[in-house]
C-alpha atoms as a PDB file:
ATOM      1  CA  MET A   1       8.779 -39.192  -0.270  1.00  0.00           C
ATOM      2  CA  SER A   2       9.995 -36.153  -2.165  1.00  0.00           C
ATOM      3  CA  ASN A   3       9.816 -32.685  -0.658  1.00  0.00           C
ATOM      4  CA  ASP A   4       7.290 -31.618  -3.316  1.00  0.00           C
ATOM      5  CA  VAL A   5       4.962 -34.509  -2.477  1.00  0.00           C
ATOM      6  CA  ALA A   6       5.299 -33.878   1.271  1.00  0.00           C
ATOM      7  CA  ARG A   7       4.629 -30.158   0.763  1.00  0.00           C
ATOM      8  CA  ALA A   8       1.605 -30.904  -1.411  1.00  0.00           C
ATOM      9  CA  GLY A   9       0.276 -33.164   1.334  1.00  0.00           C
ATOM     10  CA  LEU A  10       0.769 -30.478   3.974  1.00  0.00           C
ATOM     11  CA  LEU A  11      -0.903 -27.852   1.793  1.00  0.00           C
ATOM     12  CA  ALA A  12      -3.846 -30.211   1.253  1.00  0.00           C
ATOM     13  CA  GLN A  13      -4.158 -30.721   5.019  1.00  0.00           C
ATOM     14  CA  VAL A  14      -4.079 -26.957   5.649  1.00  0.00           C
ATOM     15  CA  ALA A  15      -6.672 -26.399   2.910  1.00  0.00           C
ATOM     16  CA  ALA A  16      -8.919 -29.057   4.448  1.00  0.00           C
ATOM     17  CA  GLU A  17      -8.484 -27.714   7.979  1.00  0.00           C
ATOM     18  CA  ALA A  18      -9.213 -24.056   7.127  1.00  0.00           C
ATOM     19  CA  PRO A  19     -12.980 -24.436   6.555  1.00  0.00           C
ATOM     20  CA  ALA A  20     -13.271 -26.768   9.562  1.00  0.00           C
ATOM     21  CA  HIS A  21     -11.480 -24.162  11.696  1.00  0.00           C
ATOM     22  CA  ALA A  22     -13.764 -21.395  10.412  1.00  0.00           C
ATOM     23  CA  ALA A  23     -16.874 -23.515  10.992  1.00  0.00           C
ATOM     24  CA  ALA A  24     -15.795 -24.298  14.570  1.00  0.00           C
ATOM     25  CA  ALA A  25     -15.310 -20.568  15.201  1.00  0.00           C
ATOM     26  CA  VAL A  26     -18.813 -19.859  13.901  1.00  0.00           C
ATOM     27  CA  ARG A  27     -20.289 -22.601  16.119  1.00  0.00           C
ATOM     28  CA  LEU A  28     -18.374 -21.208  19.101  1.00  0.00           C
ATOM     29  CA  ASN A  29     -19.795 -17.743  18.456  1.00  0.00           C
ATOM     30  CA  ILE A  30     -23.307 -19.159  18.110  1.00  0.00           C
ATOM     31  CA  ALA A  31     -22.919 -21.088  21.391  1.00  0.00           C
ATOM     32  CA  ILE A  32     -21.666 -17.971  23.183  1.00  0.00           C
ATOM     33  CA  ALA A  33     -24.499 -15.871  21.773  1.00  0.00           C
ATOM     34  CA  SER A  34     -26.964 -18.485  23.007  1.00  0.00           C
ATOM     35  CA  GLN A  35     -25.417 -18.445  26.501  1.00  0.00           C
ATOM     36  CA  ILE A  36     -25.556 -14.652  26.644  1.00  0.00           C
ATOM     37  CA  GLY A  37     -29.115 -14.675  25.326  1.00  0.00           C
ATOM     38  CA  LEU A  38     -28.409 -12.464  22.329  1.00  0.00           C
ATOM     39  CA  PRO A  39     -28.756 -13.108  18.623  1.00  0.00           C
ATOM     40  CA  HIS A  40     -25.500 -14.118  16.963  1.00  0.00           C
ATOM     41  CA  THR A  41     -25.464 -10.904  14.907  1.00  0.00           C
ATOM     42  CA  ASP A  42     -25.651  -8.804  18.066  1.00  0.00           C
ATOM     43  CA  VAL A  43     -22.609 -10.549  19.534  1.00  0.00           C
ATOM     44  CA  GLN A  44     -20.746 -10.048  16.257  1.00  0.00           C
ATOM     45  CA  CYS A  45     -21.615  -6.345  16.414  1.00  0.00           C
ATOM     46  CA  ILE A  46     -20.188  -6.088  19.933  1.00  0.00           C
ATOM     47  CA  GLY A  47     -17.069  -7.844  18.665  1.00  0.00           C
ATOM     48  CA  LEU A  48     -16.661  -5.276  15.899  1.00  0.00           C
ATOM     49  CA  LEU A  49     -17.075  -2.467  18.418  1.00  0.00           C
ATOM     50  CA  ALA A  50     -14.318  -3.919  20.608  1.00  0.00           C
ATOM     51  CA  GLY A  51     -11.991  -2.257  18.096  1.00  0.00           C
ATOM     52  CA  GLY A  52     -13.492   1.154  18.807  1.00  0.00           C
ATOM     53  CA  PRO A  53     -16.515   3.272  17.910  1.00  0.00           C
ATOM     54  CA  ALA A  54     -18.072   2.915  14.466  1.00  0.00           C
ATOM     55  CA  ALA A  55     -20.827   4.477  12.400  1.00  0.00           C
ATOM     56  CA  PRO A  56     -24.014   2.412  12.117  1.00  0.00           C
ATOM     57  CA  THR A  57     -23.637   2.292   8.327  1.00  0.00           C
ATOM     58  CA  ARG A  58     -20.130   0.851   8.654  1.00  0.00           C
ATOM     59  CA  LEU A  59     -21.381  -1.779  11.119  1.00  0.00           C
ATOM     60  CA  ALA A  60     -24.212  -2.670   8.725  1.00  0.00           C
ATOM     61  CA  GLU A  61     -21.699  -3.084   5.886  1.00  0.00           C
ATOM     62  CA  ARG A  62     -19.381  -5.280   7.969  1.00  0.00           C
ATOM     63  CA  LEU A  63     -22.274  -7.463   9.165  1.00  0.00           C
ATOM     64  CA  GLY A  64     -24.022  -7.639   5.786  1.00  0.00           C
ATOM     65  CA  LEU A  65     -27.195  -6.027   7.109  1.00  0.00           C
ATOM     66  CA  THR A  66     -29.502  -3.362   5.789  1.00  0.00           C
ATOM     67  CA  THR A  67     -29.460  -0.097   7.693  1.00  0.00           C
ATOM     68  CA  GLY A  68     -32.973  -0.884   8.941  1.00  0.00           C
ATOM     69  CA  ALA A  69     -31.871  -4.237  10.347  1.00  0.00           C
ATOM     70  CA  MET A  70     -28.799  -2.563  11.867  1.00  0.00           C
ATOM     71  CA  THR A  71     -31.054  -0.088  13.661  1.00  0.00           C
ATOM     72  CA  LYS A  72     -32.953  -2.995  15.248  1.00  0.00           C
ATOM     73  CA  VAL A  73     -29.665  -4.633  16.341  1.00  0.00           C
ATOM     74  CA  LEU A  74     -28.471  -1.361  17.881  1.00  0.00           C
ATOM     75  CA  ASP A  75     -31.825  -0.775  19.575  1.00  0.00           C
ATOM     76  CA  ARG A  76     -31.588  -4.209  21.245  1.00  0.00           C
ATOM     77  CA  LEU A  77     -27.968  -3.687  22.260  1.00  0.00           C
ATOM     78  CA  GLU A  78     -28.651  -0.209  23.605  1.00  0.00           C
ATOM     79  CA  ARG A  79     -31.638  -1.443  25.647  1.00  0.00           C
ATOM     80  CA  GLY A  80     -29.404  -4.183  27.064  1.00  0.00           C
ATOM     81  CA  GLY A  81     -26.686  -1.697  28.011  1.00  0.00           C
ATOM     82  CA  TYR A  82     -24.141  -3.153  25.590  1.00  0.00           C
ATOM     83  CA  VAL A  83     -23.713  -0.031  23.440  1.00  0.00           C
ATOM     84  CA  HIS A  84     -24.531   3.631  23.322  1.00  0.00           C
ATOM     85  CA  ARG A  85     -25.034   5.985  20.417  1.00  0.00           C
ATOM     86  CA  SER A  86     -23.741   9.521  20.393  1.00  0.00           C
ATOM     87  CA  ALA A  87     -23.029  12.344  17.991  1.00  0.00           C
ATOM     88  CA  ASP A  88     -19.808  11.936  16.011  1.00  0.00           C
ATOM     89  CA  PRO A  89     -17.367  14.499  17.442  1.00  0.00           C
ATOM     90  CA  ALA A  90     -15.972  15.081  13.930  1.00  0.00           C
ATOM     91  CA  ASP A  91     -19.422  15.632  12.368  1.00  0.00           C
ATOM     92  CA  ARG A  92     -22.301  16.158  14.771  1.00  0.00           C
ATOM     93  CA  ARG A  93     -24.802  15.282  12.036  1.00  0.00           C
ATOM     94  CA  ARG A  94     -23.561  11.690  12.183  1.00  0.00           C
ATOM     95  CA  ILE A  95     -23.947   9.067  14.881  1.00  0.00           C
ATOM     96  CA  VAL A  96     -21.262   6.785  16.261  1.00  0.00           C
ATOM     97  CA  VAL A  97     -21.826   3.623  18.252  1.00  0.00           C
ATOM     98  CA  THR A  98     -19.569   2.698  21.142  1.00  0.00           C
ATOM     99  CA  ALA A  99     -19.558  -0.546  23.113  1.00  0.00           C
ATOM    100  CA  SER A 100     -19.997  -0.037  26.836  1.00  0.00           C
ATOM    101  CA  ALA A 101     -17.197  -1.217  29.087  1.00  0.00           C
ATOM    102  CA  GLU A 102     -19.712  -3.396  30.936  1.00  0.00           C
ATOM    103  CA  GLY A 103     -20.992  -4.940  27.700  1.00  0.00           C
ATOM    104  CA  LEU A 104     -17.489  -5.711  26.482  1.00  0.00           C
ATOM    105  CA  ALA A 105     -16.615  -7.208  29.866  1.00  0.00           C
ATOM    106  CA  GLU A 106     -19.736  -9.401  29.887  1.00  0.00           C
ATOM    107  CA  VAL A 107     -19.129 -10.746  26.396  1.00  0.00           C
ATOM    108  CA  GLY A 108     -15.401 -11.063  27.113  1.00  0.00           C
ATOM    109  CA  ARG A 109     -16.119 -13.362  30.065  1.00  0.00           C
ATOM    110  CA  TYR A 110     -17.577 -15.907  27.652  1.00  0.00           C
ATOM    111  CA  TYR A 111     -14.528 -15.747  25.380  1.00  0.00           C
ATOM    112  CA  ALA A 112     -11.995 -15.873  28.233  1.00  0.00           C
ATOM    113  CA  PRO A 113     -11.928 -19.697  28.541  1.00  0.00           C
ATOM    114  CA  ILE A 114     -10.965 -20.197  24.901  1.00  0.00           C
ATOM    115  CA  GLY A 115      -8.306 -17.496  25.242  1.00  0.00           C
ATOM    116  CA  GLU A 116      -6.923 -19.362  28.250  1.00  0.00           C
ATOM    117  CA  ALA A 117      -7.027 -22.677  26.371  1.00  0.00           C
ATOM    118  CA  PHE A 118      -5.087 -21.149  23.476  1.00  0.00           C
ATOM    119  CA  ALA A 119      -2.583 -19.645  25.908  1.00  0.00           C
ATOM    120  CA  ARG A 120      -1.993 -23.104  27.426  1.00  0.00           C
ATOM    121  CA  ARG A 121      -1.580 -24.651  23.963  1.00  0.00           C
ATOM    122  CA  PHE A 122       0.782 -21.928  22.793  1.00  0.00           C
ATOM    123  CA  ALA A 123       2.873 -21.826  25.987  1.00  0.00           C
ATOM    124  CA  GLY A 124       5.280 -24.399  24.593  1.00  0.00           C
ATOM    125  CA  TYR A 125       5.645 -22.735  21.188  1.00  0.00           C
ATOM    126  CA  THR A 126       8.867 -20.997  20.294  1.00  0.00           C
ATOM    127  CA  ASP A 127       8.805 -17.312  19.368  1.00  0.00           C
ATOM    128  CA  ASP A 128       9.215 -18.250  15.707  1.00  0.00           C
ATOM    129  CA  GLU A 129       6.295 -20.665  15.932  1.00  0.00           C
ATOM    130  CA  LEU A 130       4.154 -17.982  17.575  1.00  0.00           C
ATOM    131  CA  ARG A 131       5.060 -15.530  14.810  1.00  0.00           C
ATOM    132  CA  THR A 132       3.986 -18.161  12.276  1.00  0.00           C
ATOM    133  CA  VAL A 133       0.687 -18.712  14.100  1.00  0.00           C
ATOM    134  CA  LEU A 134       0.075 -14.967  14.273  1.00  0.00           C
ATOM    135  CA  LYS A 135       0.847 -14.588  10.569  1.00  0.00           C
ATOM    136  CA  PHE A 136      -1.490 -17.475   9.753  1.00  0.00           C
ATOM    137  CA  MET A 137      -4.291 -15.958  11.840  1.00  0.00           C
ATOM    138  CA  ARG A 138      -3.863 -12.522  10.246  1.00  0.00           C
ATOM    139  CA  ASP A 139      -3.611 -13.991   6.756  1.00  0.00           C
ATOM    140  CA  GLY A 140      -6.697 -16.110   7.438  1.00  0.00           C
ATOM    141  CA  ARG A 141      -8.675 -13.083   8.582  1.00  0.00           C
ATOM    142  CA  GLU A 142      -7.606 -11.107   5.504  1.00  0.00           C
ATOM    143  CA  VAL A 143      -8.518 -13.983   3.177  1.00  0.00           C
ATOM    144  CA  ALA A 144     -11.904 -14.343   4.907  1.00  0.00           C
ATOM    145  CA  GLU A 145     -12.615 -10.601   4.651  1.00  0.00           C
ATOM    146  CA  ALA A 146     -11.726 -10.635   0.934  1.00  0.00           C
ATOM    147  CA  GLU A 147     -13.945 -13.670   0.382  1.00  0.00           C
ATOM    148  CA  ILE A 148     -16.831 -11.975   2.215  1.00  0.00           C
ATOM    149  CA  ASP A 149     -16.420  -8.967  -0.076  1.00  0.00           C
ATOM    150  CA  ARG A 150     -16.343 -11.229  -3.149  1.00  0.00           C
ATOM    151  CA  ILE A 151     -19.448 -13.130  -2.094  1.00  0.00           C
ATOM    152  CA  ARG A 152     -21.394  -9.996  -1.205  1.00  0.00           C
ATOM    153  CA  GLY A 153     -20.276  -8.351  -4.433  1.00  0.00           C
ATOM    154  CA  ALA A 154     -21.823 -11.213  -6.416  1.00  0.00           C
ATOM    155  CA  GLY A 155     -25.235 -10.413  -4.920  1.00  0.00           C
ATOM    156  CA  PRO A 156     -27.777 -12.840  -3.500  1.00  0.00           C
ATOM    157  CA  ARG A 157     -28.133 -16.161  -5.316  1.00  0.00           C
ATOM    158  CA  GLN A 158     -31.698 -15.454  -6.412  1.00  0.00           C
ATOM    159  CA  GLN A 159     -30.663 -12.077  -7.795  1.00  0.00           C
ATOM    160  CA  ARG A 160     -27.856 -13.730  -9.799  1.00  0.00           C
ATOM    161  CA  ASN A 161     -30.253 -16.371 -11.123  1.00  0.00           C
ATOM    162  CA  ASP A 162     -32.706 -13.663 -12.161  1.00  0.00           C
ATOM    163  CA  ARG A 163     -29.938 -11.754 -13.971  1.00  0.00           C
ATOM    164  CA  ASN A 164     -28.785 -14.899 -15.734  1.00  0.00           C
ATOM    165  CA  SER A 165     -32.295 -15.778 -16.922  1.00  0.00           C
ATOM    166  CA  HIS A 166     -32.717 -12.268 -18.375  1.00  0.00           C
ATOM    167  CA  ASP A 167     -29.471 -12.614 -20.330  1.00  0.00           C
ATOM    168  CA  ARG A 168     -30.728 -15.661 -22.224  1.00  0.00           C
END
């Protein structure tokens, strides 16, 4: 088998595995949200806040929600003690949302087993292999974020169909 054919086969396998990997991650997040007793979107919001405080409008953009829907998410999370809202120190007219340490710890407990499973799997990897895995994960996240932006930029399907029917 030539190198080109072997490479094409590997690329095809990677391309086939990528959506299966993404779908498994979504199902994992849904299962964890169910165990915690929170809507999936709420758990995703907590995950975004693990990176630090954010404005509600930025969270709404990242989650693909309206600002009204984001307010409901934040109300639920605040009532549950997962987040708190405060004035933005840089501009007191704005609000920032911060995940509580307790909320992050509670959600983190549900993700800990998969982190441990990955650690066991990766224990035998060389440093170069780990760098490749890390690059793949970062590249995958960047590709997914770009695809989310592309999809959202196209507008909802019904809206596109309406636009297309008006152009005829």
